[in-house]
Amino acid sequence: MTTYNLILTALTSISHHDPAVQDGSNQLQFNRQKQTVCRPAVSGNQTTGKLLELLSVPNEIVELLNGMTKAEFVAVAFAKTIIKIYNSMDGTGLFSGIGRYQMLESRLRYAAIRSNSMRKLWATICADLQFPVHPSTYDEIVLAFYALPTSTQQAVIAAIVSQYRAIVAIARAWAKMPENDIPLFASDQIVFAPDTAINEIAIVEVPTVSANSMRHQLVRAAGWQHMQRILGITPPIPPAVEAVFENGGNIKAGAKQPSNSAMLGQRVRDMYPLLGLVGGVTESFDLGESNLSVQSWLVCQENERALSGTPAEGLSMASVSAFDLLDN
């Protein structure tokens, strides 16, 4: 077996959509894969800082808040603050009309995925929802989110990513309740769940360009174009034949596999080494396992371990987070 390491540089922005995400939003999430990522251990002792002095928590909402961690509570308070500021400005940005909360849900989740601090989260969600500058009367509470300890901010963002729908629902109920003139927080009424530390090893959905995409762009499509040019292959070409070279082909619905499919597959692979390399299927049988195995890794901080021992190890981009490479 021969191994080749290629370092590729995109000349234009890559748009690699995740086909599994069907949320009705007009913002498509970049394709991701779950993987273990190392990060510095963060204390589990969360604190709400000055927020408690600024928030008015009605007794009617206490039962919904009971059992939350402090980070989850702050996440709800963050969403509630957004709703409180902009809900009365109907027609402002994307948080308007009957679909405003659905838009808030999807944008809040995507903003949290791309953020590593409450300051970045606020800036991102305001940009994503096209909000104007908030009234100065809300400066104190907005800045209080920025001032939270780093460990709390990371825990809040993690809670939003995983529980965004529940967080927006509770925040919506809270925002509809009348405010007291004097901020009220009955700490003896709300029972917070114990804080949990953020582990050194985390399961993170890291942006990825799929190996299948790389395989197609670099080998199958390029090989087919080369073969057409060298052999002088010109249209018309039977669609099923072209499909084998262009995208791997498809088994035709209801097709019956011939008894000598293994022999036919081997003959095809011998005559067209490209198909031996990348594999494919005809309308009625598979050509067998390909000789090429492809792995694809973004050169980024989250893939540091995977890049060890490759030419990409030590590159400056290997210290940049994949989430800092994302844009709208």
C-alpha atoms as a PDB file:
ATOM      1  CA  MET A   1       0.000   0.000   0.000  1.00  0.00           C
ATOM      2  CA  THR A   2       1.262   3.483  -0.857  1.00  0.00           C
ATOM      3  CA  THR A   3       0.212   6.484   1.226  1.00  0.00           C
ATOM      4  CA  TYR A   4       0.054  10.015  -0.156  1.00  0.00           C
ATOM      5  CA  ASN A   5      -0.374  13.127   1.987  1.00  0.00           C
ATOM      6  CA  LEU A   6      -1.792  16.152   0.173  1.00  0.00           C
ATOM      7  CA  ILE A   7      -2.156  19.628   1.672  1.00  0.00           C
ATOM      8  CA  LEU A   8      -4.886  21.489  -0.213  1.00  0.00           C
ATOM      9  CA  THR A   9      -5.632  25.208  -0.077  1.00  0.00           C
ATOM     10  CA  ALA A  10      -9.077  26.475  -1.044  1.00  0.00           C
ATOM     11  CA  LEU A  11      -8.866  29.391  -3.467  1.00  0.00           C
ATOM     12  CA  THR A  12     -12.464  30.409  -2.745  1.00  0.00           C
ATOM     13  CA  SER A  13     -14.860  29.905   0.154  1.00  0.00           C
ATOM     14  CA  ILE A  14     -16.060  26.324   0.669  1.00  0.00           C
ATOM     15  CA  SER A  15     -19.777  25.719   1.091  1.00  0.00           C
ATOM     16  CA  HIS A  16     -20.145  22.157   2.349  1.00  0.00           C
ATOM     17  CA  HIS A  17     -23.728  21.801   3.552  1.00  0.00           C
ATOM     18  CA  ASP A  18     -24.892  19.148   5.989  1.00  0.00           C
ATOM     19  CA  PRO A  19     -27.701  17.175   4.287  1.00  0.00           C
ATOM     20  CA  ALA A  20     -28.911  15.907   7.662  1.00  0.00           C
ATOM     21  CA  VAL A  21     -30.027  19.369   8.801  1.00  0.00           C
ATOM     22  CA  GLN A  22     -33.592  20.076   7.646  1.00  0.00           C
ATOM     23  CA  ASP A  23     -34.826  22.792   9.985  1.00  0.00           C
ATOM     24  CA  GLY A  24     -36.574  25.063   7.469  1.00  0.00           C
ATOM     25  CA  SER A  25     -34.074  27.854   8.021  1.00  0.00           C
ATOM     26  CA  ASN A  26     -32.539  29.774   5.132  1.00  0.00           C
ATOM     27  CA  GLN A  27     -29.157  29.368   6.821  1.00  0.00           C
ATOM     28  CA  LEU A  28     -27.477  26.056   6.007  1.00  0.00           C
ATOM     29  CA  GLN A  29     -25.157  24.487   8.549  1.00  0.00           C
ATOM     30  CA  PHE A  30     -21.666  23.509   7.440  1.00  0.00           C
ATOM     31  CA  ASN A  31     -21.177  19.733   7.420  1.00  0.00           C
ATOM     32  CA  ARG A  32     -19.840  18.353  10.718  1.00  0.00           C
ATOM     33  CA  GLN A  33     -18.666  15.135  12.277  1.00  0.00           C
ATOM     34  CA  LYS A  34     -18.556  14.175  15.951  1.00  0.00           C
ATOM     35  CA  GLN A  35     -15.059  13.632  17.312  1.00  0.00           C
ATOM     36  CA  THR A  36     -13.190  13.797  20.600  1.00  0.00           C
ATOM     37  CA  VAL A  37     -11.382  17.078  21.200  1.00  0.00           C
ATOM     38  CA  CYS A  38      -8.893  17.912  23.951  1.00  0.00           C
ATOM     39  CA  ARG A  39      -9.265  21.219  25.735  1.00  0.00           C
ATOM     40  CA  PRO A  40      -8.056  22.676  29.052  1.00  0.00           C
ATOM     41  CA  ALA A  41     -10.044  21.520  32.050  1.00  0.00           C
ATOM     42  CA  VAL A  42     -12.504  24.170  33.272  1.00  0.00           C
ATOM     43  CA  SER A  43     -13.806  24.348  36.802  1.00  0.00           C
ATOM     44  CA  GLY A  44     -17.374  23.263  37.375  1.00  0.00           C
ATOM     45  CA  ASN A  45     -18.004  26.007  39.939  1.00  0.00           C
ATOM     46  CA  GLN A  46     -20.316  28.321  38.013  1.00  0.00           C
ATOM     47  CA  THR A  47     -21.362  31.764  39.214  1.00  0.00           C
ATOM     48  CA  THR A  48     -23.984  34.169  37.944  1.00  0.00           C
ATOM     49  CA  GLY A  49     -21.995  37.236  38.968  1.00  0.00           C
ATOM     50  CA  LYS A  50     -23.890  40.546  38.982  1.00  0.00           C
ATOM     51  CA  LEU A  51     -26.767  39.161  36.909  1.00  0.00           C
ATOM     52  CA  LEU A  52     -28.806  38.228  39.950  1.00  0.00           C
ATOM     53  CA  GLU A  53     -28.891  41.862  41.040  1.00  0.00           C
ATOM     54  CA  LEU A  54     -30.250  42.947  37.656  1.00  0.00           C
ATOM     55  CA  LEU A  55     -32.844  40.295  36.855  1.00  0.00           C
ATOM     56  CA  SER A  56     -36.454  40.381  37.889  1.00  0.00           C
ATOM     57  CA  VAL A  57     -37.580  36.788  38.414  1.00  0.00           C
ATOM     58  CA  PRO A  58     -41.353  36.466  38.997  1.00  0.00           C
ATOM     59  CA  ASN A  59     -42.551  33.803  41.422  1.00  0.00           C
ATOM     60  CA  GLU A  60     -44.593  32.258  38.592  1.00  0.00           C
ATOM     61  CA  ILE A  61     -41.418  31.226  36.765  1.00  0.00           C
ATOM     62  CA  VAL A  62     -39.627  29.684  39.758  1.00  0.00           C
ATOM     63  CA  GLU A  63     -40.905  26.152  39.130  1.00  0.00           C
ATOM     64  CA  LEU A  64     -39.562  26.201  35.562  1.00  0.00           C
ATOM     65  CA  LEU A  65     -36.138  27.329  36.796  1.00  0.00           C
ATOM     66  CA  ASN A  66     -35.867  24.832  39.645  1.00  0.00           C
ATOM     67  CA  GLY A  67     -33.398  22.027  38.910  1.00  0.00           C
ATOM     68  CA  MET A  68     -31.388  24.000  36.361  1.00  0.00           C
ATOM     69  CA  THR A  69     -27.671  24.507  36.678  1.00  0.00           C
ATOM     70  CA  LYS A  70     -26.570  28.119  37.024  1.00  0.00           C
ATOM     71  CA  ALA A  71     -25.243  27.978  33.456  1.00  0.00           C
ATOM     72  CA  GLU A  72     -28.647  26.848  32.147  1.00  0.00           C
ATOM     73  CA  PHE A  73     -30.307  29.652  34.119  1.00  0.00           C
ATOM     74  CA  VAL A  74     -27.962  32.228  32.575  1.00  0.00           C
ATOM     75  CA  ALA A  75     -28.699  30.783  29.114  1.00  0.00           C
ATOM     76  CA  VAL A  76     -32.435  31.337  29.696  1.00  0.00           C
ATOM     77  CA  ALA A  77     -31.763  34.836  31.044  1.00  0.00           C
ATOM     78  CA  PHE A  78     -29.683  35.605  27.939  1.00  0.00           C
ATOM     79  CA  ALA A  79     -32.471  34.532  25.565  1.00  0.00           C
ATOM     80  CA  LYS A  80     -35.035  36.364  27.692  1.00  0.00           C
ATOM     81  CA  THR A  81     -32.975  39.550  27.479  1.00  0.00           C
ATOM     82  CA  ILE A  82     -32.917  39.334  23.675  1.00  0.00           C
ATOM     83  CA  ILE A  83     -36.696  38.831  23.591  1.00  0.00           C
ATOM     84  CA  LYS A  84     -37.318  41.653  26.080  1.00  0.00           C
ATOM     85  CA  ILE A  85     -35.213  44.133  24.129  1.00  0.00           C
ATOM     86  CA  TYR A  86     -36.420  43.389  20.619  1.00  0.00           C
ATOM     87  CA  ASN A  87     -39.884  41.849  20.971  1.00  0.00           C
ATOM     88  CA  SER A  88     -41.590  45.228  21.041  1.00  0.00           C
ATOM     89  CA  MET A  89     -39.727  46.355  17.903  1.00  0.00           C
ATOM     90  CA  ASP A  90     -41.896  44.444  15.449  1.00  0.00           C
ATOM     91  CA  GLY A  91     -40.339  44.509  12.024  1.00  0.00           C
ATOM     92  CA  THR A  92     -36.821  44.860  13.398  1.00  0.00           C
ATOM     93  CA  GLY A  93     -34.362  42.571  11.668  1.00  0.00           C
ATOM     94  CA  LEU A  94     -35.281  38.902  11.322  1.00  0.00           C
ATOM     95  CA  PHE A  95     -36.918  38.663  14.757  1.00  0.00           C
ATOM     96  CA  SER A  96     -40.307  39.763  13.468  1.00  0.00           C
ATOM     97  CA  GLY A  97     -43.642  38.360  12.392  1.00  0.00           C
ATOM     98  CA  ILE A  98     -45.175  35.042  13.412  1.00  0.00           C
ATOM     99  CA  GLY A  99     -41.963  33.131  12.729  1.00  0.00           C
ATOM    100  CA  ARG A 100     -39.803  35.241  15.047  1.00  0.00           C
ATOM    101  CA  TYR A 101     -39.239  32.538  17.675  1.00  0.00           C
ATOM    102  CA  GLN A 102     -38.426  29.870  15.115  1.00  0.00           C
ATOM    103  CA  MET A 103     -35.873  32.264  13.642  1.00  0.00           C
ATOM    104  CA  LEU A 104     -34.492  33.014  17.116  1.00  0.00           C
ATOM    105  CA  GLU A 105     -34.112  29.293  17.848  1.00  0.00           C
ATOM    106  CA  SER A 106     -32.124  28.471  14.733  1.00  0.00           C
ATOM    107  CA  ARG A 107     -29.972  31.620  14.786  1.00  0.00           C
ATOM    108  CA  LEU A 108     -29.233  31.287  18.511  1.00  0.00           C
ATOM    109  CA  ARG A 109     -28.031  27.717  18.061  1.00  0.00           C
ATOM    110  CA  TYR A 110     -25.790  28.551  15.099  1.00  0.00           C
ATOM    111  CA  ALA A 111     -24.436  31.626  16.884  1.00  0.00           C
ATOM    112  CA  ALA A 112     -23.552  29.539  19.955  1.00  0.00           C
ATOM    113  CA  ILE A 113     -21.792  26.929  17.821  1.00  0.00           C
ATOM    114  CA  ARG A 114     -19.556  29.677  16.406  1.00  0.00           C
ATOM    115  CA  SER A 115     -18.864  31.427  19.736  1.00  0.00           C
ATOM    116  CA  ASN A 116     -16.456  30.883  22.608  1.00  0.00           C
ATOM    117  CA  SER A 117     -17.556  33.784  24.831  1.00  0.00           C
ATOM    118  CA  MET A 118     -20.743  35.644  25.717  1.00  0.00           C
ATOM    119  CA  ARG A 119     -19.340  38.761  24.035  1.00  0.00           C
ATOM    120  CA  LYS A 120     -18.850  36.859  20.790  1.00  0.00           C
ATOM    121  CA  LEU A 121     -22.274  35.237  21.176  1.00  0.00           C
ATOM    122  CA  TRP A 122     -24.013  38.602  21.615  1.00  0.00           C
ATOM    123  CA  ALA A 123     -22.222  40.108  18.626  1.00  0.00           C
ATOM    124  CA  THR A 124     -22.972  37.061  16.458  1.00  0.00           C
ATOM    125  CA  ILE A 125     -26.664  36.745  17.306  1.00  0.00           C
ATOM    126  CA  CYS A 126     -27.183  40.499  16.764  1.00  0.00           C
ATOM    127  CA  ALA A 127     -25.504  40.252  13.357  1.00  0.00           C
ATOM    128  CA  ASP A 128     -27.385  37.064  12.397  1.00  0.00           C
ATOM    129  CA  LEU A 129     -30.772  38.533  13.343  1.00  0.00           C
ATOM    130  CA  GLN A 130     -29.884  41.968  11.928  1.00  0.00           C
ATOM    131  CA  PHE A 131     -30.602  43.786  15.186  1.00  0.00           C
ATOM    132  CA  PRO A 132     -29.970  47.508  15.599  1.00  0.00           C
ATOM    133  CA  VAL A 133     -28.044  48.789  18.618  1.00  0.00           C
ATOM    134  CA  HIS A 134     -29.984  48.050  21.800  1.00  0.00           C
ATOM    135  CA  PRO A 135     -31.292  50.932  23.969  1.00  0.00           C
ATOM    136  CA  SER A 136     -28.774  52.239  26.517  1.00  0.00           C
ATOM    137  CA  THR A 137     -31.121  51.268  29.359  1.00  0.00           C
ATOM    138  CA  TYR A 138     -30.078  47.637  28.746  1.00  0.00           C
ATOM    139  CA  ASP A 139     -26.325  48.302  28.772  1.00  0.00           C
ATOM    140  CA  GLU A 140     -25.824  47.185  32.347  1.00  0.00           C
ATOM    141  CA  ILE A 141     -27.416  43.767  31.954  1.00  0.00           C
ATOM    142  CA  VAL A 142     -25.813  43.098  28.551  1.00  0.00           C
ATOM    143  CA  LEU A 143     -22.380  43.941  29.957  1.00  0.00           C
ATOM    144  CA  ALA A 144     -23.076  41.674  32.949  1.00  0.00           C
ATOM    145  CA  PHE A 145     -23.160  38.684  30.565  1.00  0.00           C
ATOM    146  CA  TYR A 146     -19.756  39.732  29.197  1.00  0.00           C
ATOM    147  CA  ALA A 147     -18.319  39.880  32.729  1.00  0.00           C
ATOM    148  CA  LEU A 148     -19.193  36.306  33.695  1.00  0.00           C
ATOM    149  CA  PRO A 149     -16.242  34.001  34.503  1.00  0.00           C
ATOM    150  CA  THR A 150     -14.833  32.142  31.491  1.00  0.00           C
ATOM    151  CA  SER A 151     -15.946  28.765  32.838  1.00  0.00           C
ATOM    152  CA  THR A 152     -19.529  29.999  33.210  1.00  0.00           C
ATOM    153  CA  GLN A 153     -19.563  31.522  29.722  1.00  0.00           C
ATOM    154  CA  GLN A 154     -18.395  28.256  28.159  1.00  0.00           C
ATOM    155  CA  ALA A 155     -20.975  26.273  30.120  1.00  0.00           C
ATOM    156  CA  VAL A 156     -23.741  28.707  29.066  1.00  0.00           C
ATOM    157  CA  ILE A 157     -22.802  28.383  25.398  1.00  0.00           C
ATOM    158  CA  ALA A 158     -22.708  24.580  25.681  1.00  0.00           C
ATOM    159  CA  ALA A 159     -26.203  24.638  27.224  1.00  0.00           C
ATOM    160  CA  ILE A 160     -27.565  26.791  24.387  1.00  0.00           C
ATOM    161  CA  VAL A 161     -26.116  24.481  21.720  1.00  0.00           C
ATOM    162  CA  SER A 162     -27.699  21.371  23.229  1.00  0.00           C
ATOM    163  CA  GLN A 163     -30.944  22.827  24.684  1.00  0.00           C
ATOM    164  CA  TYR A 164     -31.725  25.840  22.496  1.00  0.00           C
ATOM    165  CA  ARG A 165     -35.381  24.951  21.948  1.00  0.00           C
ATOM    166  CA  ALA A 166     -36.197  24.490  25.652  1.00  0.00           C
ATOM    167  CA  ILE A 167     -34.175  27.587  26.575  1.00  0.00           C
ATOM    168  CA  VAL A 168     -36.074  29.811  24.110  1.00  0.00           C
ATOM    169  CA  ALA A 169     -39.422  28.369  25.267  1.00  0.00           C
ATOM    170  CA  ILE A 170     -38.746  29.179  28.940  1.00  0.00           C
ATOM    171  CA  ALA A 171     -37.289  32.574  28.041  1.00  0.00           C
ATOM    172  CA  ARG A 172     -40.399  33.361  26.025  1.00  0.00           C
ATOM    173  CA  ALA A 173     -42.660  32.521  28.976  1.00  0.00           C
ATOM    174  CA  TRP A 174     -40.492  34.607  31.314  1.00  0.00           C
ATOM    175  CA  ALA A 175     -40.438  37.606  28.974  1.00  0.00           C
ATOM    176  CA  LYS A 176     -44.249  37.670  28.830  1.00  0.00           C
ATOM    177  CA  MET A 177     -44.540  38.150  32.604  1.00  0.00           C
ATOM    178  CA  PRO A 178     -44.706  41.708  34.012  1.00  0.00           C
ATOM    179  CA  GLU A 179     -41.457  43.150  35.371  1.00  0.00           C
ATOM    180  CA  ASN A 180     -41.165  44.314  38.961  1.00  0.00           C
ATOM    181  CA  ASP A 181     -39.969  47.865  39.540  1.00  0.00           C
ATOM    182  CA  ILE A 182     -37.228  46.520  41.792  1.00  0.00           C
ATOM    183  CA  PRO A 183     -35.157  43.509  40.621  1.00  0.00           C
ATOM    184  CA  LEU A 184     -36.150  40.479  42.662  1.00  0.00           C
ATOM    185  CA  PHE A 185     -34.338  37.207  42.994  1.00  0.00           C
ATOM    186  CA  ALA A 186     -35.585  34.774  45.622  1.00  0.00           C
ATOM    187  CA  SER A 187     -32.492  32.568  46.004  1.00  0.00           C
ATOM    188  CA  ASP A 188     -34.187  30.561  48.714  1.00  0.00           C
ATOM    189  CA  GLN A 189     -36.937  29.587  46.253  1.00  0.00           C
ATOM    190  CA  ILE A 190     -34.855  28.475  43.261  1.00  0.00           C
ATOM    191  CA  VAL A 191     -32.874  25.288  43.759  1.00  0.00           C
ATOM    192  CA  PHE A 192     -30.005  24.969  41.296  1.00  0.00           C
ATOM    193  CA  ALA A 193     -28.638  21.584  40.226  1.00  0.00           C
ATOM    194  CA  PRO A 194     -25.006  20.884  41.129  1.00  0.00           C
ATOM    195  CA  ASP A 195     -22.500  22.313  38.667  1.00  0.00           C
ATOM    196  CA  THR A 196     -20.552  19.912  36.502  1.00  0.00           C
ATOM    197  CA  ALA A 197     -17.009  20.476  35.318  1.00  0.00           C
ATOM    198  CA  ILE A 198     -16.289  20.807  31.615  1.00  0.00           C
ATOM    199  CA  ASN A 199     -14.179  17.756  30.849  1.00  0.00           C
ATOM    200  CA  GLU A 200     -10.744  17.839  29.244  1.00  0.00           C
ATOM    201  CA  ILE A 201     -12.044  15.435  26.589  1.00  0.00           C
ATOM    202  CA  ALA A 202     -15.209  16.583  24.876  1.00  0.00           C
ATOM    203  CA  ILE A 203     -17.349  15.261  22.039  1.00  0.00           C
ATOM    204  CA  VAL A 204     -17.566  18.145  19.582  1.00  0.00           C
ATOM    205  CA  GLU A 205     -19.271  18.432  16.185  1.00  0.00           C
ATOM    206  CA  VAL A 206     -16.295  19.730  14.237  1.00  0.00           C
ATOM    207  CA  PRO A 207     -16.742  21.290  10.770  1.00  0.00           C
ATOM    208  CA  THR A 208     -15.458  18.890   8.122  1.00  0.00           C
ATOM    209  CA  VAL A 209     -15.096  18.538   4.382  1.00  0.00           C
ATOM    210  CA  SER A 210     -16.121  14.923   3.821  1.00  0.00           C
ATOM    211  CA  ALA A 211     -13.641  12.371   2.537  1.00  0.00           C
ATOM    212  CA  ASN A 212     -16.229  11.378  -0.081  1.00  0.00           C
ATOM    213  CA  SER A 213     -16.244  14.931  -1.432  1.00  0.00           C
ATOM    214  CA  MET A 214     -12.439  15.001  -1.628  1.00  0.00           C
ATOM    215  CA  ARG A 215     -12.428  11.598  -3.312  1.00  0.00           C
ATOM    216  CA  HIS A 216     -14.878  12.837  -5.948  1.00  0.00           C
ATOM    217  CA  GLN A 217     -13.207  16.176  -6.642  1.00  0.00           C
ATOM    218  CA  LEU A 218      -9.612  14.951  -6.720  1.00  0.00           C
ATOM    219  CA  VAL A 219      -9.948  11.491  -8.273  1.00  0.00           C
ATOM    220  CA  ARG A 220     -13.261  10.414  -9.788  1.00  0.00           C
ATOM    221  CA  ALA A 221     -14.334  13.643 -11.524  1.00  0.00           C
ATOM    222  CA  ALA A 222     -10.781  14.615 -12.465  1.00  0.00           C
ATOM    223  CA  GLY A 223     -10.024  11.084 -13.713  1.00  0.00           C
ATOM    224  CA  TRP A 224     -13.167  11.013 -15.855  1.00  0.00           C
ATOM    225  CA  GLN A 225     -12.348  14.374 -17.440  1.00  0.00           C
ATOM    226  CA  HIS A 226      -8.800  13.178 -18.149  1.00  0.00           C
ATOM    227  CA  MET A 227     -10.026   9.894 -19.654  1.00  0.00           C
ATOM    228  CA  GLN A 228     -12.545  11.667 -21.899  1.00  0.00           C
ATOM    229  CA  ARG A 229      -9.816  13.942 -23.207  1.00  0.00           C
ATOM    230  CA  ILE A 230      -7.123  11.246 -23.723  1.00  0.00           C
ATOM    231  CA  LEU A 231      -9.453   8.659 -25.303  1.00  0.00           C
ATOM    232  CA  GLY A 232     -11.511  11.183 -27.257  1.00  0.00           C
ATOM    233  CA  ILE A 233     -14.772  10.086 -25.632  1.00  0.00           C
ATOM    234  CA  THR A 234     -17.548  12.406 -26.824  1.00  0.00           C
ATOM    235  CA  PRO A 235     -21.318  12.505 -26.313  1.00  0.00           C
ATOM    236  CA  PRO A 236     -23.706  10.879 -26.576  1.00  0.00           C
ATOM    237  CA  ILE A 237     -22.760   8.525 -23.744  1.00  0.00           C
ATOM    238  CA  PRO A 238     -25.410   6.252 -22.188  1.00  0.00           C
ATOM    239  CA  PRO A 239     -26.431   7.975 -18.928  1.00  0.00           C
ATOM    240  CA  ALA A 240     -25.897   4.819 -16.841  1.00  0.00           C
ATOM    241  CA  VAL A 241     -22.348   4.456 -18.198  1.00  0.00           C
ATOM    242  CA  GLU A 242     -21.465   8.091 -17.610  1.00  0.00           C
ATOM    243  CA  ALA A 243     -22.907   7.906 -14.083  1.00  0.00           C
ATOM    244  CA  VAL A 244     -20.441   5.153 -13.104  1.00  0.00           C
ATOM    245  CA  PHE A 245     -17.537   7.463 -13.907  1.00  0.00           C
ATOM    246  CA  GLU A 246     -19.164  10.743 -12.876  1.00  0.00           C
ATOM    247  CA  ASN A 247     -20.750   9.953  -9.499  1.00  0.00           C
ATOM    248  CA  GLY A 248     -20.307   6.221  -8.831  1.00  0.00           C
ATOM    249  CA  GLY A 249     -23.538   5.112 -10.529  1.00  0.00           C
ATOM    250  CA  ASN A 250     -26.789   3.698  -9.192  1.00  0.00           C
ATOM    251  CA  ILE A 251     -28.399   0.281  -9.085  1.00  0.00           C
ATOM    252  CA  LYS A 252     -31.588   0.464 -11.141  1.00  0.00           C
ATOM    253  CA  ALA A 253     -34.761  -0.225  -9.178  1.00  0.00           C
ATOM    254  CA  GLY A 254     -35.839  -3.833  -9.632  1.00  0.00           C
ATOM    255  CA  ALA A 255     -32.671  -4.800 -11.525  1.00  0.00           C
ATOM    256  CA  LYS A 256     -31.544  -8.430 -11.309  1.00  0.00           C
ATOM    257  CA  GLN A 257     -27.864  -9.081 -10.671  1.00  0.00           C
ATOM    258  CA  PRO A 258     -26.248 -11.344 -13.330  1.00  0.00           C
ATOM    259  CA  SER A 259     -24.813 -14.648 -12.157  1.00  0.00           C
ATOM    260  CA  ASN A 260     -21.305 -13.755 -13.330  1.00  0.00           C
ATOM    261  CA  SER A 261     -21.260 -10.249 -11.761  1.00  0.00           C
ATOM    262  CA  ALA A 262     -17.898 -10.816 -10.012  1.00  0.00           C
ATOM    263  CA  MET A 263     -16.198 -11.724 -13.294  1.00  0.00           C
ATOM    264  CA  LEU A 264     -17.861  -8.818 -15.130  1.00  0.00           C
ATOM    265  CA  GLY A 265     -16.832  -6.432 -12.369  1.00  0.00           C
ATOM    266  CA  GLN A 266     -13.217  -7.564 -12.564  1.00  0.00           C
ATOM    267  CA  ARG A 267     -13.181  -7.165 -16.384  1.00  0.00           C
ATOM    268  CA  VAL A 268     -14.498  -3.606 -16.042  1.00  0.00           C
ATOM    269  CA  ARG A 269     -11.845  -2.804 -13.424  1.00  0.00           C
ATOM    270  CA  ASP A 270      -9.081  -4.260 -15.634  1.00  0.00           C
ATOM    271  CA  MET A 271     -10.202  -2.287 -18.695  1.00  0.00           C
ATOM    272  CA  TYR A 272     -10.747   0.941 -16.773  1.00  0.00           C
ATOM    273  CA  PRO A 273      -8.187   1.206 -13.936  1.00  0.00           C
ATOM    274  CA  LEU A 274      -9.898   4.399 -12.759  1.00  0.00           C
ATOM    275  CA  LEU A 275     -12.920   2.295 -11.705  1.00  0.00           C
ATOM    276  CA  GLY A 276     -10.605  -0.181 -10.009  1.00  0.00           C
ATOM    277  CA  LEU A 277      -9.214   2.753  -8.045  1.00  0.00           C
ATOM    278  CA  VAL A 278     -12.479   4.434  -7.019  1.00  0.00           C
ATOM    279  CA  GLY A 279     -15.091   1.667  -7.485  1.00  0.00           C
ATOM    280  CA  GLY A 280     -18.682   2.176  -8.592  1.00  0.00           C
ATOM    281  CA  VAL A 281     -21.881   0.363  -9.529  1.00  0.00           C
ATOM    282  CA  THR A 282     -23.579  -0.371 -12.827  1.00  0.00           C
ATOM    283  CA  GLU A 283     -27.347  -0.534 -13.199  1.00  0.00           C
ATOM    284  CA  SER A 284     -27.371  -4.126 -11.931  1.00  0.00           C
ATOM    285  CA  PHE A 285     -24.211  -4.944  -9.941  1.00  0.00           C
ATOM    286  CA  ASP A 286     -21.397  -3.544  -7.826  1.00  0.00           C
ATOM    287  CA  LEU A 287     -17.873  -3.384  -9.225  1.00  0.00           C
ATOM    288  CA  GLY A 288     -16.361  -4.364  -5.882  1.00  0.00           C
ATOM    289  CA  GLU A 289     -14.376  -2.546  -3.226  1.00  0.00           C
ATOM    290  CA  SER A 290     -12.212   0.310  -4.458  1.00  0.00           C
ATOM    291  CA  ASN A 291      -8.427   0.267  -4.144  1.00  0.00           C
ATOM    292  CA  LEU A 292      -8.367   3.846  -2.832  1.00  0.00           C
ATOM    293  CA  SER A 293      -9.044   4.820   0.775  1.00  0.00           C
ATOM    294  CA  VAL A 294      -9.415   8.540   1.509  1.00  0.00           C
ATOM    295  CA  GLN A 295      -9.331  10.470   4.774  1.00  0.00           C
ATOM    296  CA  SER A 296      -9.986  14.195   4.955  1.00  0.00           C
ATOM    297  CA  TRP A 297      -9.007  16.533   7.783  1.00  0.00           C
ATOM    298  CA  LEU A 298      -9.273  20.289   8.055  1.00  0.00           C
ATOM    299  CA  VAL A 299      -5.974  21.779   9.188  1.00  0.00           C
ATOM    300  CA  CYS A 300      -7.189  23.239  12.463  1.00  0.00           C
ATOM    301  CA  GLN A 301      -6.751  23.097  16.215  1.00  0.00           C
ATOM    302  CA  GLU A 302      -9.424  20.447  16.780  1.00  0.00           C
ATOM    303  CA  ASN A 303      -7.617  18.008  14.433  1.00  0.00           C
ATOM    304  CA  GLU A 304      -4.205  18.446  16.011  1.00  0.00           C
ATOM    305  CA  ARG A 305      -3.873  14.784  16.961  1.00  0.00           C
ATOM    306  CA  ALA A 306      -4.989  13.512  13.546  1.00  0.00           C
ATOM    307  CA  LEU A 307      -2.440  15.771  11.823  1.00  0.00           C
ATOM    308  CA  SER A 308       0.450  14.487  13.943  1.00  0.00           C
ATOM    309  CA  GLY A 309       3.151  12.961  11.755  1.00  0.00           C
ATOM    310  CA  THR A 310       1.799  14.511   8.536  1.00  0.00           C
ATOM    311  CA  PRO A 311       3.210  17.454   6.553  1.00  0.00           C
ATOM    312  CA  ALA A 312       0.446  19.591   8.079  1.00  0.00           C
ATOM    313  CA  GLU A 313       1.845  19.181  11.598  1.00  0.00           C
ATOM    314  CA  GLY A 314       3.222  22.456  12.863  1.00  0.00           C
ATOM    315  CA  LEU A 315       1.528  24.665  10.268  1.00  0.00           C
ATOM    316  CA  SER A 316       0.210  27.948  11.659  1.00  0.00           C
ATOM    317  CA  MET A 317      -3.367  27.018  10.663  1.00  0.00           C
ATOM    318  CA  ALA A 318      -3.130  23.944  12.896  1.00  0.00           C
ATOM    319  CA  SER A 319      -3.454  26.248  15.911  1.00  0.00           C
ATOM    320  CA  VAL A 320      -6.610  28.012  14.632  1.00  0.00           C
ATOM    321  CA  SER A 321     -10.019  26.697  15.710  1.00  0.00           C
ATOM    322  CA  ALA A 322     -12.228  25.324  12.936  1.00  0.00           C
ATOM    323  CA  PHE A 323     -15.065  27.421  14.332  1.00  0.00           C
ATOM    324  CA  ASP A 324     -13.075  30.611  13.653  1.00  0.00           C
ATOM    325  CA  LEU A 325     -12.944  29.614   9.981  1.00  0.00           C
ATOM    326  CA  LEU A 326     -16.742  29.704   9.599  1.00  0.00           C
ATOM    327  CA  ASP A 327     -18.629  32.664   8.214  1.00  0.00           C
ATOM    328  CA  ASN A 328     -22.155  33.323   7.006  1.00  0.00           C
END
